[in-house]
Amino acid sequence: MTELSYVNLTEELAPLCAELELATFTHADPNDLLQEEDMLAYARTFPEGFFVVLDGDRVVGQGGGIYLDFDFTKPQHTIAEITGEHQCANHDPLGDWYYGTDILVHPDYRRRGIGRRLYELRKELVRKDGKKGIIAGGYLPGYAEHKHEMTASEYCDRVVAGELYDQTLTFQLENGFEVRGVLEHYIDDDATDGWASLIVWRNPEVPED
């Protein structure tokens, strides 16, 4: 088993990262995934906020995001609205929060601690830059099986309580995130009817307002 390396996104890696999107999200509409031009925009806008996992020359994982300000009194948004063109046009270097836009691991490389390490790298960046924390809209894969029985909010409550397991949300909770609500029409996804969780990790080194 080769040792994995973690680097920041470069223009040279952009096409490989776009290929990983297609290989990982096989159920999604390709038009909804990050394309090579989106990756190039990230590489030119905020490469420090986009981490790429390499096995030799092969891209096997990645996690990106941007800095922005967030109004918790008006939390509803879609991924397209909050991130802007190429999912990074709304990046503001002076923004208080790191907004996680993209995180994925190739199916062949799961259960090797890659996702956890990507979250750690994000937290390290937030601490270094003195930001308030991390915000993200979290995909809820398990909700597809329960959407006819309960609301997305009820589903998240039961996952938080440990009564249900969600592949994504449970992992995020284990990594120190908390659920601050649910987001309607966050993405175009028939399986979950577009619902997502609003998750937050607060930087313990920055006092709360």
N, C-alpha and C. Protein backbone atom coordinates (compact mmCIF):
# COMPACT_ATOMS: atom_id res chain seq x y z
N MET A 1 0.85 -1.19 0.00
CA MET A 1 0.00 0.00 0.00
C MET A 1 0.88 1.25 0.00
N THR A 2 0.74 2.08 -1.01
CA THR A 2 1.56 3.27 -1.12
C THR A 2 1.10 4.34 -0.15
N GLU A 3 2.02 5.24 0.18
CA GLU A 3 1.68 6.34 1.08
C GLU A 3 1.00 7.45 0.29
N LEU A 4 -0.07 7.96 0.84
CA LEU A 4 -0.82 9.03 0.18
C LEU A 4 -0.20 10.37 0.51
N SER A 5 -0.31 11.31 -0.41
CA SER A 5 0.16 12.67 -0.17
C SER A 5 -1.00 13.64 -0.31
N TYR A 6 -0.91 14.74 0.42
CA TYR A 6 -1.96 15.76 0.43
C TYR A 6 -1.35 17.08 -0.04
N VAL A 7 -1.90 17.63 -1.12
CA VAL A 7 -1.35 18.85 -1.71
C VAL A 7 -2.49 19.82 -1.99
N ASN A 8 -2.13 21.06 -2.29
CA ASN A 8 -3.13 22.03 -2.71
C ASN A 8 -3.37 21.90 -4.21
N LEU A 9 -4.55 22.29 -4.62
CA LEU A 9 -4.94 22.20 -6.02
C LEU A 9 -4.03 23.05 -6.91
N THR A 10 -3.66 22.50 -8.05
CA THR A 10 -2.91 23.23 -9.07
C THR A 10 -3.67 23.12 -10.39
N GLU A 11 -3.31 23.95 -11.34
CA GLU A 11 -3.96 23.89 -12.65
C GLU A 11 -3.68 22.54 -13.32
N GLU A 12 -2.52 21.97 -13.07
CA GLU A 12 -2.17 20.69 -13.67
C GLU A 12 -3.06 19.56 -13.15
N LEU A 13 -3.51 19.69 -11.91
CA LEU A 13 -4.35 18.65 -11.31
C LEU A 13 -5.83 18.82 -11.65
N ALA A 14 -6.20 19.96 -12.21
CA ALA A 14 -7.61 20.27 -12.46
C ALA A 14 -8.34 19.19 -13.26
N PRO A 15 -7.81 18.72 -14.39
CA PRO A 15 -8.55 17.69 -15.14
C PRO A 15 -8.69 16.38 -14.38
N LEU A 16 -7.70 16.02 -13.58
CA LEU A 16 -7.79 14.78 -12.80
C LEU A 16 -8.84 14.91 -11.71
N CYS A 17 -8.95 16.08 -11.11
CA CYS A 17 -9.97 16.31 -10.08
C CYS A 17 -11.37 16.26 -10.68
N ALA A 18 -11.52 16.78 -11.89
CA ALA A 18 -12.81 16.73 -12.57
C ALA A 18 -13.19 15.28 -12.89
N GLU A 19 -12.21 14.47 -13.27
CA GLU A 19 -12.46 13.06 -13.54
C GLU A 19 -12.90 12.33 -12.28
N LEU A 20 -12.31 12.70 -11.14
CA LEU A 20 -12.68 12.06 -9.88
C LEU A 20 -14.14 12.35 -9.53
N GLU A 21 -14.60 13.56 -9.83
CA GLU A 21 -16.01 13.89 -9.58
C GLU A 21 -16.92 12.89 -10.31
N LEU A 22 -16.63 12.64 -11.57
CA LEU A 22 -17.45 11.73 -12.37
C LEU A 22 -17.36 10.30 -11.85
N ALA A 23 -16.16 9.88 -11.43
CA ALA A 23 -15.97 8.51 -10.96
C ALA A 23 -16.63 8.27 -9.62
N THR A 24 -16.77 9.33 -8.82
CA THR A 24 -17.31 9.18 -7.46
C THR A 24 -18.82 9.36 -7.42
N PHE A 25 -19.31 10.38 -8.10
CA PHE A 25 -20.75 10.69 -8.07
C PHE A 25 -21.41 10.14 -9.33
N THR A 26 -21.44 8.82 -9.44
CA THR A 26 -21.97 8.18 -10.64
C THR A 26 -23.48 8.38 -10.79
N HIS A 27 -24.18 8.68 -9.68
CA HIS A 27 -25.64 8.84 -9.73
C HIS A 27 -26.05 10.25 -10.14
N ALA A 28 -25.11 11.17 -10.13
CA ALA A 28 -25.43 12.59 -10.33
C ALA A 28 -25.42 12.97 -11.81
N ASP A 29 -26.13 14.04 -12.10
CA ASP A 29 -26.09 14.64 -13.43
C ASP A 29 -24.71 15.27 -13.62
N PRO A 30 -23.95 14.86 -14.63
CA PRO A 30 -22.61 15.43 -14.83
C PRO A 30 -22.59 16.95 -14.88
N ASN A 31 -23.69 17.54 -15.33
CA ASN A 31 -23.76 19.00 -15.41
C ASN A 31 -23.78 19.65 -14.04
N ASP A 32 -24.13 18.87 -13.00
CA ASP A 32 -24.17 19.40 -11.64
C ASP A 32 -22.82 19.26 -10.93
N LEU A 33 -21.88 18.55 -11.54
CA LEU A 33 -20.59 18.31 -10.91
C LEU A 33 -19.58 19.36 -11.33
N LEU A 34 -18.52 19.47 -10.55
CA LEU A 34 -17.45 20.40 -10.89
C LEU A 34 -16.73 19.93 -12.15
N GLN A 35 -16.63 20.81 -13.12
CA GLN A 35 -15.96 20.50 -14.37
C GLN A 35 -14.50 20.98 -14.31
N GLU A 36 -13.75 20.67 -15.35
CA GLU A 36 -12.35 21.09 -15.38
C GLU A 36 -12.22 22.61 -15.26
N GLU A 37 -13.10 23.35 -15.92
CA GLU A 37 -13.03 24.81 -15.85
C GLU A 37 -13.30 25.32 -14.44
N ASP A 38 -14.14 24.60 -13.69
CA ASP A 38 -14.39 24.97 -12.30
C ASP A 38 -13.14 24.74 -11.46
N MET A 39 -12.49 23.61 -11.68
CA MET A 39 -11.27 23.30 -10.95
C MET A 39 -10.17 24.32 -11.26
N LEU A 40 -10.09 24.73 -12.51
CA LEU A 40 -9.10 25.74 -12.88
C LEU A 40 -9.39 27.06 -12.17
N ALA A 41 -10.68 27.39 -12.06
CA ALA A 41 -11.05 28.63 -11.36
C ALA A 41 -10.65 28.56 -9.89
N TYR A 42 -10.86 27.41 -9.26
CA TYR A 42 -10.43 27.21 -7.87
C TYR A 42 -8.91 27.38 -7.75
N ALA A 43 -8.19 26.75 -8.67
CA ALA A 43 -6.72 26.79 -8.62
C ALA A 43 -6.19 28.21 -8.73
N ARG A 44 -6.93 29.06 -9.42
CA ARG A 44 -6.49 30.44 -9.60
C ARG A 44 -7.03 31.37 -8.51
N THR A 45 -8.13 30.97 -7.87
CA THR A 45 -8.79 31.84 -6.90
C THR A 45 -8.36 31.58 -5.47
N PHE A 46 -8.41 30.31 -5.05
CA PHE A 46 -8.14 29.98 -3.65
C PHE A 46 -7.57 28.56 -3.54
N PRO A 47 -6.40 28.31 -4.10
CA PRO A 47 -5.84 26.96 -4.05
C PRO A 47 -5.53 26.49 -2.64
N GLU A 48 -5.26 27.45 -1.74
CA GLU A 48 -4.97 27.07 -0.34
C GLU A 48 -6.16 26.40 0.33
N GLY A 49 -7.35 26.67 -0.18
CA GLY A 49 -8.55 26.11 0.41
C GLY A 49 -9.04 24.85 -0.25
N PHE A 50 -8.29 24.34 -1.22
CA PHE A 50 -8.70 23.14 -1.94
C PHE A 50 -7.58 22.11 -1.82
N PHE A 51 -7.90 21.00 -1.14
CA PHE A 51 -6.90 19.97 -0.87
C PHE A 51 -7.13 18.75 -1.77
N VAL A 52 -6.03 18.23 -2.30
CA VAL A 52 -6.09 17.10 -3.21
C VAL A 52 -5.28 15.95 -2.63
N VAL A 53 -5.82 14.74 -2.71
CA VAL A 53 -5.16 13.55 -2.18
C VAL A 53 -4.61 12.75 -3.36
N LEU A 54 -3.32 12.43 -3.29
CA LEU A 54 -2.66 11.73 -4.38
C LEU A 54 -2.13 10.37 -3.93
N ASP A 55 -2.34 9.37 -4.77
CA ASP A 55 -1.68 8.08 -4.64
C ASP A 55 -0.74 7.99 -5.84
N GLY A 56 0.50 8.39 -5.64
CA GLY A 56 1.40 8.56 -6.77
C GLY A 56 0.93 9.76 -7.59
N ASP A 57 0.59 9.51 -8.84
CA ASP A 57 0.08 10.57 -9.71
C ASP A 57 -1.44 10.54 -9.83
N ARG A 58 -2.08 9.64 -9.11
CA ARG A 58 -3.53 9.47 -9.22
C ARG A 58 -4.25 10.29 -8.15
N VAL A 59 -5.24 11.06 -8.56
CA VAL A 59 -6.07 11.81 -7.61
C VAL A 59 -7.13 10.86 -7.06
N VAL A 60 -7.14 10.69 -5.73
CA VAL A 60 -8.07 9.74 -5.12
C VAL A 60 -9.01 10.40 -4.10
N GLY A 61 -8.83 11.67 -3.86
CA GLY A 61 -9.71 12.39 -2.94
C GLY A 61 -9.49 13.88 -3.06
N GLN A 62 -10.47 14.64 -2.62
CA GLN A 62 -10.32 16.09 -2.67
C GLN A 62 -11.37 16.76 -1.78
N GLY A 63 -11.03 17.96 -1.34
CA GLY A 63 -11.96 18.74 -0.53
C GLY A 63 -11.70 20.22 -0.73
N GLY A 64 -12.72 20.95 -1.15
CA GLY A 64 -12.54 22.36 -1.45
C GLY A 64 -13.49 23.25 -0.67
N GLY A 65 -13.22 24.54 -0.72
CA GLY A 65 -14.08 25.51 -0.06
C GLY A 65 -13.63 26.92 -0.32
N ILE A 66 -14.41 27.86 0.17
CA ILE A 66 -14.10 29.28 0.01
C ILE A 66 -14.38 30.01 1.31
N TYR A 67 -13.82 31.19 1.45
CA TYR A 67 -14.12 32.05 2.59
C TYR A 67 -15.28 32.97 2.21
N LEU A 68 -16.18 33.17 3.16
CA LEU A 68 -17.29 34.09 2.95
C LEU A 68 -17.89 34.46 4.30
N ASP A 69 -18.78 35.43 4.30
CA ASP A 69 -19.56 35.77 5.48
C ASP A 69 -20.90 35.04 5.38
N PHE A 70 -21.47 34.71 6.54
CA PHE A 70 -22.72 33.95 6.53
C PHE A 70 -23.68 34.54 7.55
N ASP A 71 -24.93 34.73 7.14
CA ASP A 71 -25.96 35.28 8.01
C ASP A 71 -26.82 34.13 8.54
N PHE A 72 -26.61 33.77 9.80
CA PHE A 72 -27.35 32.64 10.37
C PHE A 72 -28.82 32.97 10.62
N THR A 73 -29.19 34.24 10.53
CA THR A 73 -30.61 34.59 10.66
C THR A 73 -31.36 34.34 9.35
N LYS A 74 -30.61 34.16 8.26
CA LYS A 74 -31.20 33.85 6.95
C LYS A 74 -30.41 32.70 6.34
N PRO A 75 -30.56 31.51 6.91
CA PRO A 75 -29.67 30.41 6.54
C PRO A 75 -29.98 29.73 5.21
N GLN A 76 -31.20 29.86 4.71
CA GLN A 76 -31.57 29.09 3.52
C GLN A 76 -30.79 29.55 2.28
N HIS A 77 -30.26 28.59 1.55
CA HIS A 77 -29.52 28.88 0.32
C HIS A 77 -29.33 27.59 -0.46
N THR A 78 -28.99 27.73 -1.71
CA THR A 78 -28.58 26.59 -2.52
C THR A 78 -27.06 26.66 -2.69
N ILE A 79 -26.47 25.56 -3.11
CA ILE A 79 -25.02 25.56 -3.31
C ILE A 79 -24.63 26.55 -4.40
N ALA A 80 -25.46 26.67 -5.44
CA ALA A 80 -25.14 27.59 -6.53
C ALA A 80 -25.22 29.04 -6.08
N GLU A 81 -26.23 29.37 -5.26
CA GLU A 81 -26.41 30.74 -4.81
C GLU A 81 -25.25 31.21 -3.94
N ILE A 82 -24.82 30.37 -3.02
CA ILE A 82 -23.86 30.83 -2.03
C ILE A 82 -22.42 30.84 -2.55
N THR A 83 -22.13 30.01 -3.53
CA THR A 83 -20.75 29.92 -3.99
C THR A 83 -20.47 30.72 -5.26
N GLY A 84 -21.51 30.96 -6.07
CA GLY A 84 -21.31 31.71 -7.29
C GLY A 84 -20.74 30.88 -8.41
N GLU A 85 -20.40 31.54 -9.50
CA GLU A 85 -19.90 30.86 -10.69
C GLU A 85 -18.66 30.03 -10.37
N HIS A 86 -18.63 28.82 -10.92
CA HIS A 86 -17.53 27.86 -10.71
C HIS A 86 -17.40 27.45 -9.24
N GLN A 87 -18.41 27.72 -8.44
CA GLN A 87 -18.42 27.41 -7.00
C GLN A 87 -17.30 28.10 -6.22
N CYS A 88 -16.73 29.15 -6.78
CA CYS A 88 -15.71 29.88 -6.02
C CYS A 88 -15.73 31.38 -6.30
N ALA A 89 -16.67 31.84 -7.12
CA ALA A 89 -16.71 33.26 -7.48
C ALA A 89 -17.01 34.15 -6.27
N ASN A 90 -17.70 33.60 -5.27
CA ASN A 90 -18.05 34.39 -4.09
C ASN A 90 -16.99 34.33 -2.99
N HIS A 91 -15.82 33.81 -3.32
CA HIS A 91 -14.74 33.76 -2.33
C HIS A 91 -14.33 35.17 -1.90
N ASP A 92 -14.30 35.37 -0.59
CA ASP A 92 -13.90 36.65 -0.01
C ASP A 92 -12.78 36.37 0.99
N PRO A 93 -11.55 36.75 0.69
CA PRO A 93 -10.44 36.47 1.61
C PRO A 93 -10.67 36.99 3.02
N LEU A 94 -11.52 38.02 3.17
CA LEU A 94 -11.79 38.60 4.48
C LEU A 94 -13.01 37.98 5.15
N GLY A 95 -13.66 37.04 4.49
CA GLY A 95 -14.84 36.40 5.07
C GLY A 95 -14.53 35.67 6.36
N ASP A 96 -15.52 35.60 7.25
CA ASP A 96 -15.32 35.02 8.58
C ASP A 96 -15.35 33.49 8.59
N TRP A 97 -15.94 32.88 7.57
CA TRP A 97 -16.17 31.44 7.59
C TRP A 97 -15.57 30.75 6.36
N TYR A 98 -15.14 29.51 6.58
CA TYR A 98 -14.77 28.65 5.46
C TYR A 98 -16.02 27.86 5.09
N TYR A 99 -16.47 28.01 3.86
CA TYR A 99 -17.65 27.27 3.41
C TYR A 99 -17.18 26.08 2.57
N GLY A 100 -17.44 24.87 3.07
CA GLY A 100 -17.03 23.66 2.37
C GLY A 100 -17.94 23.39 1.18
N THR A 101 -17.36 23.36 0.00
CA THR A 101 -18.16 23.21 -1.21
C THR A 101 -18.08 21.82 -1.82
N ASP A 102 -17.01 21.09 -1.55
CA ASP A 102 -16.78 19.85 -2.29
C ASP A 102 -15.87 18.95 -1.47
N ILE A 103 -16.32 17.72 -1.21
CA ILE A 103 -15.45 16.76 -0.54
C ILE A 103 -15.84 15.36 -1.01
N LEU A 104 -14.85 14.59 -1.42
CA LEU A 104 -15.14 13.26 -1.92
C LEU A 104 -13.88 12.39 -1.91
N VAL A 105 -14.11 11.10 -1.84
CA VAL A 105 -13.04 10.10 -1.86
C VAL A 105 -13.42 9.02 -2.85
N HIS A 106 -12.48 8.61 -3.68
CA HIS A 106 -12.75 7.55 -4.64
C HIS A 106 -13.22 6.30 -3.90
N PRO A 107 -14.24 5.61 -4.42
CA PRO A 107 -14.77 4.43 -3.73
C PRO A 107 -13.71 3.39 -3.35
N ASP A 108 -12.68 3.24 -4.16
CA ASP A 108 -11.64 2.24 -3.88
C ASP A 108 -10.74 2.64 -2.70
N TYR A 109 -10.84 3.89 -2.27
CA TYR A 109 -9.93 4.39 -1.23
C TYR A 109 -10.65 4.78 0.05
N ARG A 110 -11.89 4.38 0.17
CA ARG A 110 -12.63 4.71 1.39
C ARG A 110 -12.19 3.82 2.54
N ARG A 111 -12.50 4.28 3.75
CA ARG A 111 -12.12 3.58 4.99
C ARG A 111 -10.61 3.55 5.20
N ARG A 112 -9.93 4.56 4.69
CA ARG A 112 -8.49 4.70 4.92
C ARG A 112 -8.17 6.00 5.66
N GLY A 113 -9.20 6.66 6.18
CA GLY A 113 -8.98 7.88 6.95
C GLY A 113 -8.81 9.13 6.11
N ILE A 114 -9.09 9.03 4.81
CA ILE A 114 -8.88 10.18 3.93
C ILE A 114 -9.86 11.30 4.23
N GLY A 115 -11.13 10.95 4.38
CA GLY A 115 -12.13 11.98 4.67
C GLY A 115 -11.83 12.71 5.96
N ARG A 116 -11.44 11.96 6.98
CA ARG A 116 -11.11 12.58 8.27
C ARG A 116 -9.91 13.52 8.13
N ARG A 117 -8.92 13.10 7.36
CA ARG A 117 -7.73 13.95 7.18
C ARG A 117 -8.08 15.21 6.40
N LEU A 118 -8.98 15.13 5.44
CA LEU A 118 -9.40 16.31 4.70
C LEU A 118 -10.10 17.31 5.63
N TYR A 119 -10.91 16.80 6.54
CA TYR A 119 -11.55 17.68 7.52
C TYR A 119 -10.50 18.32 8.43
N GLU A 120 -9.50 17.54 8.82
CA GLU A 120 -8.44 18.08 9.68
C GLU A 120 -7.68 19.20 8.97
N LEU A 121 -7.40 19.02 7.68
CA LEU A 121 -6.69 20.04 6.92
C LEU A 121 -7.51 21.32 6.83
N ARG A 122 -8.81 21.18 6.66
CA ARG A 122 -9.68 22.36 6.64
C ARG A 122 -9.64 23.08 7.99
N LYS A 123 -9.71 22.32 9.06
CA LYS A 123 -9.67 22.93 10.40
C LYS A 123 -8.34 23.62 10.65
N GLU A 124 -7.25 23.00 10.21
CA GLU A 124 -5.93 23.62 10.38
C GLU A 124 -5.86 24.95 9.63
N LEU A 125 -6.42 24.99 8.43
CA LEU A 125 -6.43 26.23 7.65
C LEU A 125 -7.24 27.31 8.35
N VAL A 126 -8.40 26.92 8.87
CA VAL A 126 -9.27 27.87 9.57
C VAL A 126 -8.57 28.43 10.81
N ARG A 127 -7.90 27.57 11.55
CA ARG A 127 -7.17 28.04 12.74
C ARG A 127 -6.04 28.98 12.34
N LYS A 128 -5.30 28.61 11.31
CA LYS A 128 -4.16 29.43 10.87
C LYS A 128 -4.61 30.82 10.45
N ASP A 129 -5.74 30.90 9.76
CA ASP A 129 -6.22 32.18 9.25
C ASP A 129 -7.16 32.90 10.20
N GLY A 130 -7.40 32.32 11.38
CA GLY A 130 -8.22 32.97 12.38
C GLY A 130 -9.68 33.13 12.01
N LYS A 131 -10.22 32.18 11.25
CA LYS A 131 -11.63 32.23 10.86
C LYS A 131 -12.50 31.63 11.96
N LYS A 132 -13.80 31.93 11.90
CA LYS A 132 -14.72 31.49 12.95
C LYS A 132 -15.01 29.99 12.91
N GLY A 133 -14.89 29.40 11.74
CA GLY A 133 -15.17 27.97 11.65
C GLY A 133 -15.51 27.55 10.24
N ILE A 134 -16.17 26.40 10.14
CA ILE A 134 -16.51 25.80 8.85
C ILE A 134 -18.02 25.63 8.77
N ILE A 135 -18.57 25.97 7.63
CA ILE A 135 -19.99 25.77 7.34
C ILE A 135 -20.08 24.91 6.08
N ALA A 136 -21.12 24.09 6.00
CA ALA A 136 -21.33 23.33 4.77
C ALA A 136 -22.78 22.89 4.69
N GLY A 137 -23.21 22.65 3.48
CA GLY A 137 -24.48 21.97 3.26
C GLY A 137 -24.15 20.51 3.06
N GLY A 138 -24.68 19.66 3.92
CA GLY A 138 -24.31 18.25 3.90
C GLY A 138 -25.34 17.38 3.19
N TYR A 139 -24.88 16.64 2.19
CA TYR A 139 -25.74 15.69 1.49
C TYR A 139 -26.21 14.62 2.48
N LEU A 140 -27.46 14.19 2.34
CA LEU A 140 -28.06 13.23 3.26
C LEU A 140 -28.45 11.95 2.51
N PRO A 141 -27.49 11.10 2.19
CA PRO A 141 -27.80 9.92 1.36
C PRO A 141 -28.84 9.00 1.98
N GLY A 142 -28.82 8.87 3.30
CA GLY A 142 -29.76 7.97 3.95
C GLY A 142 -31.19 8.46 3.97
N TYR A 143 -31.39 9.74 3.72
CA TYR A 143 -32.74 10.30 3.78
C TYR A 143 -33.63 9.74 2.68
N ALA A 144 -33.03 9.28 1.59
CA ALA A 144 -33.81 8.73 0.48
C ALA A 144 -34.70 7.59 0.93
N GLU A 145 -34.25 6.82 1.91
CA GLU A 145 -35.02 5.68 2.39
C GLU A 145 -36.08 6.07 3.41
N HIS A 146 -36.05 7.29 3.88
CA HIS A 146 -36.96 7.71 4.95
C HIS A 146 -37.81 8.92 4.60
N LYS A 147 -37.65 9.46 3.40
CA LYS A 147 -38.31 10.73 3.07
C LYS A 147 -39.83 10.63 3.06
N HIS A 148 -40.37 9.42 2.89
CA HIS A 148 -41.82 9.26 2.90
C HIS A 148 -42.36 9.04 4.32
N GLU A 149 -41.45 8.89 5.28
CA GLU A 149 -41.85 8.64 6.66
C GLU A 149 -41.69 9.85 7.56
N MET A 150 -40.77 10.76 7.20
CA MET A 150 -40.45 11.89 8.08
C MET A 150 -39.88 13.03 7.28
N THR A 151 -39.87 14.21 7.90
CA THR A 151 -39.26 15.37 7.25
C THR A 151 -37.74 15.28 7.34
N ALA A 152 -37.08 16.09 6.56
CA ALA A 152 -35.62 16.12 6.60
C ALA A 152 -35.12 16.56 7.97
N SER A 153 -35.84 17.49 8.58
CA SER A 153 -35.47 17.96 9.92
C SER A 153 -35.58 16.84 10.94
N GLU A 154 -36.68 16.08 10.87
CA GLU A 154 -36.86 14.95 11.79
C GLU A 154 -35.77 13.90 11.56
N TYR A 155 -35.44 13.67 10.30
CA TYR A 155 -34.39 12.70 9.98
C TYR A 155 -33.06 13.12 10.61
N CYS A 156 -32.70 14.38 10.45
CA CYS A 156 -31.44 14.86 11.03
C CYS A 156 -31.45 14.72 12.55
N ASP A 157 -32.58 15.05 13.16
CA ASP A 157 -32.69 14.93 14.62
C ASP A 157 -32.44 13.49 15.06
N ARG A 158 -32.95 12.53 14.32
CA ARG A 158 -32.80 11.13 14.70
C ARG A 158 -31.37 10.63 14.46
N VAL A 159 -30.73 11.17 13.43
CA VAL A 159 -29.32 10.82 13.22
C VAL A 159 -28.47 11.40 14.34
N VAL A 160 -28.74 12.64 14.71
CA VAL A 160 -28.00 13.27 15.82
C VAL A 160 -28.20 12.49 17.11
N ALA A 161 -29.41 11.99 17.32
CA ALA A 161 -29.72 11.24 18.54
C ALA A 161 -29.14 9.83 18.51
N GLY A 162 -28.60 9.41 17.38
CA GLY A 162 -28.03 8.07 17.27
C GLY A 162 -29.05 7.00 16.95
N GLU A 163 -30.28 7.41 16.63
CA GLU A 163 -31.33 6.44 16.32
C GLU A 163 -31.26 5.96 14.88
N LEU A 164 -30.68 6.77 14.01
CA LEU A 164 -30.48 6.40 12.61
C LEU A 164 -29.03 6.67 12.23
N TYR A 165 -28.57 5.94 11.23
CA TYR A 165 -27.20 6.13 10.72
C TYR A 165 -27.27 6.73 9.33
N ASP A 166 -26.49 7.78 9.10
CA ASP A 166 -26.37 8.35 7.76
C ASP A 166 -24.89 8.37 7.40
N GLN A 167 -24.56 7.81 6.27
CA GLN A 167 -23.16 7.66 5.86
C GLN A 167 -22.39 8.97 5.93
N THR A 168 -23.04 10.06 5.56
CA THR A 168 -22.37 11.36 5.54
C THR A 168 -22.53 12.11 6.84
N LEU A 169 -23.77 12.30 7.29
CA LEU A 169 -24.01 13.12 8.48
C LEU A 169 -23.40 12.51 9.73
N THR A 170 -23.51 11.20 9.90
CA THR A 170 -22.92 10.56 11.08
C THR A 170 -21.41 10.81 11.12
N PHE A 171 -20.76 10.71 9.97
CA PHE A 171 -19.32 10.96 9.89
C PHE A 171 -19.01 12.41 10.24
N GLN A 172 -19.82 13.33 9.77
CA GLN A 172 -19.60 14.74 10.08
C GLN A 172 -19.77 15.02 11.57
N LEU A 173 -20.76 14.41 12.18
CA LEU A 173 -20.96 14.57 13.62
C LEU A 173 -19.76 14.03 14.39
N GLU A 174 -19.22 12.91 13.93
CA GLU A 174 -18.04 12.32 14.58
C GLU A 174 -16.82 13.22 14.45
N ASN A 175 -16.84 14.12 13.49
CA ASN A 175 -15.72 15.03 13.27
C ASN A 175 -15.98 16.42 13.85
N GLY A 176 -16.90 16.50 14.79
CA GLY A 176 -17.08 17.72 15.55
C GLY A 176 -18.08 18.72 15.02
N PHE A 177 -18.81 18.35 13.97
CA PHE A 177 -19.81 19.27 13.42
C PHE A 177 -21.13 19.12 14.16
N GLU A 178 -21.92 20.18 14.13
CA GLU A 178 -23.26 20.15 14.69
C GLU A 178 -24.25 20.57 13.62
N VAL A 179 -25.47 20.09 13.73
CA VAL A 179 -26.51 20.44 12.76
C VAL A 179 -27.21 21.71 13.23
N ARG A 180 -27.28 22.69 12.33
CA ARG A 180 -27.92 23.95 12.65
C ARG A 180 -29.23 24.15 11.89
N GLY A 181 -29.68 23.12 11.20
CA GLY A 181 -30.93 23.21 10.45
C GLY A 181 -30.85 22.38 9.18
N VAL A 182 -31.85 22.53 8.33
CA VAL A 182 -31.86 21.83 7.05
C VAL A 182 -32.05 22.85 5.93
N LEU A 183 -31.57 22.49 4.75
CA LEU A 183 -31.61 23.36 3.59
C LEU A 183 -32.48 22.73 2.51
N GLU A 184 -33.47 23.48 2.06
CA GLU A 184 -34.39 22.99 1.03
C GLU A 184 -33.87 23.35 -0.36
N HIS A 185 -34.01 22.41 -1.30
CA HIS A 185 -33.57 22.62 -2.69
C HIS A 185 -32.08 22.97 -2.77
N TYR A 186 -31.30 22.43 -1.85
CA TYR A 186 -29.87 22.76 -1.82
C TYR A 186 -29.17 22.31 -3.10
N ILE A 187 -29.50 21.11 -3.54
CA ILE A 187 -28.98 20.58 -4.79
C ILE A 187 -30.13 19.95 -5.57
N ASP A 188 -29.90 19.68 -6.83
CA ASP A 188 -30.89 19.00 -7.66
C ASP A 188 -30.66 17.50 -7.54
N ASP A 189 -31.46 16.85 -6.68
CA ASP A 189 -31.26 15.43 -6.40
C ASP A 189 -32.60 14.78 -6.12
N ASP A 190 -33.05 13.93 -7.02
CA ASP A 190 -34.36 13.30 -6.88
C ASP A 190 -34.41 12.36 -5.67
N ALA A 191 -33.31 11.70 -5.37
CA ALA A 191 -33.31 10.71 -4.29
C ALA A 191 -33.66 11.33 -2.95
N THR A 192 -33.11 12.51 -2.67
CA THR A 192 -33.34 13.18 -1.38
C THR A 192 -34.26 14.38 -1.51
N ASP A 193 -34.82 14.58 -2.69
CA ASP A 193 -35.65 15.75 -2.97
C ASP A 193 -34.91 17.06 -2.72
N GLY A 194 -33.59 17.00 -2.84
CA GLY A 194 -32.78 18.21 -2.73
C GLY A 194 -32.48 18.69 -1.33
N TRP A 195 -32.85 17.93 -0.32
CA TRP A 195 -32.62 18.36 1.07
C TRP A 195 -31.17 18.13 1.48
N ALA A 196 -30.68 19.00 2.35
CA ALA A 196 -29.33 18.86 2.91
C ALA A 196 -29.35 19.37 4.34
N SER A 197 -28.36 18.97 5.10
CA SER A 197 -28.21 19.50 6.45
C SER A 197 -27.34 20.76 6.39
N LEU A 198 -27.57 21.67 7.32
CA LEU A 198 -26.67 22.81 7.49
C LEU A 198 -25.80 22.48 8.68
N ILE A 199 -24.51 22.25 8.43
CA ILE A 199 -23.62 21.83 9.51
C ILE A 199 -22.56 22.90 9.77
N VAL A 200 -22.13 22.96 11.03
CA VAL A 200 -21.17 23.98 11.45
C VAL A 200 -20.14 23.37 12.39
N TRP A 201 -18.89 23.73 12.18
CA TRP A 201 -17.82 23.46 13.15
C TRP A 201 -17.23 24.80 13.55
N ARG A 202 -17.20 25.07 14.84
CA ARG A 202 -16.68 26.35 15.32
C ARG A 202 -15.22 26.20 15.73
N ASN A 203 -14.43 27.18 15.33
CA ASN A 203 -13.03 27.25 15.72
C ASN A 203 -12.95 27.61 17.20
N PRO A 204 -12.46 26.70 18.05
CA PRO A 204 -12.43 26.98 19.49
C PRO A 204 -11.48 28.11 19.86
N GLU A 205 -10.62 28.51 18.93
CA GLU A 205 -9.65 29.57 19.22
C GLU A 205 -10.21 30.97 18.95
N VAL A 206 -11.42 31.03 18.38
CA VAL A 206 -12.07 32.32 18.10
C VAL A 206 -13.32 32.42 18.96
N PRO A 207 -13.44 33.42 19.84
CA PRO A 207 -14.61 33.55 20.71
C PRO A 207 -15.89 33.72 19.88
N GLU A 208 -16.99 33.17 20.39
CA GLU A 208 -18.28 33.35 19.73
C GLU A 208 -18.75 34.78 19.92
N ASP A 209 -19.52 35.27 18.94
CA ASP A 209 -20.05 36.63 19.02
C ASP A 209 -21.04 36.74 20.18
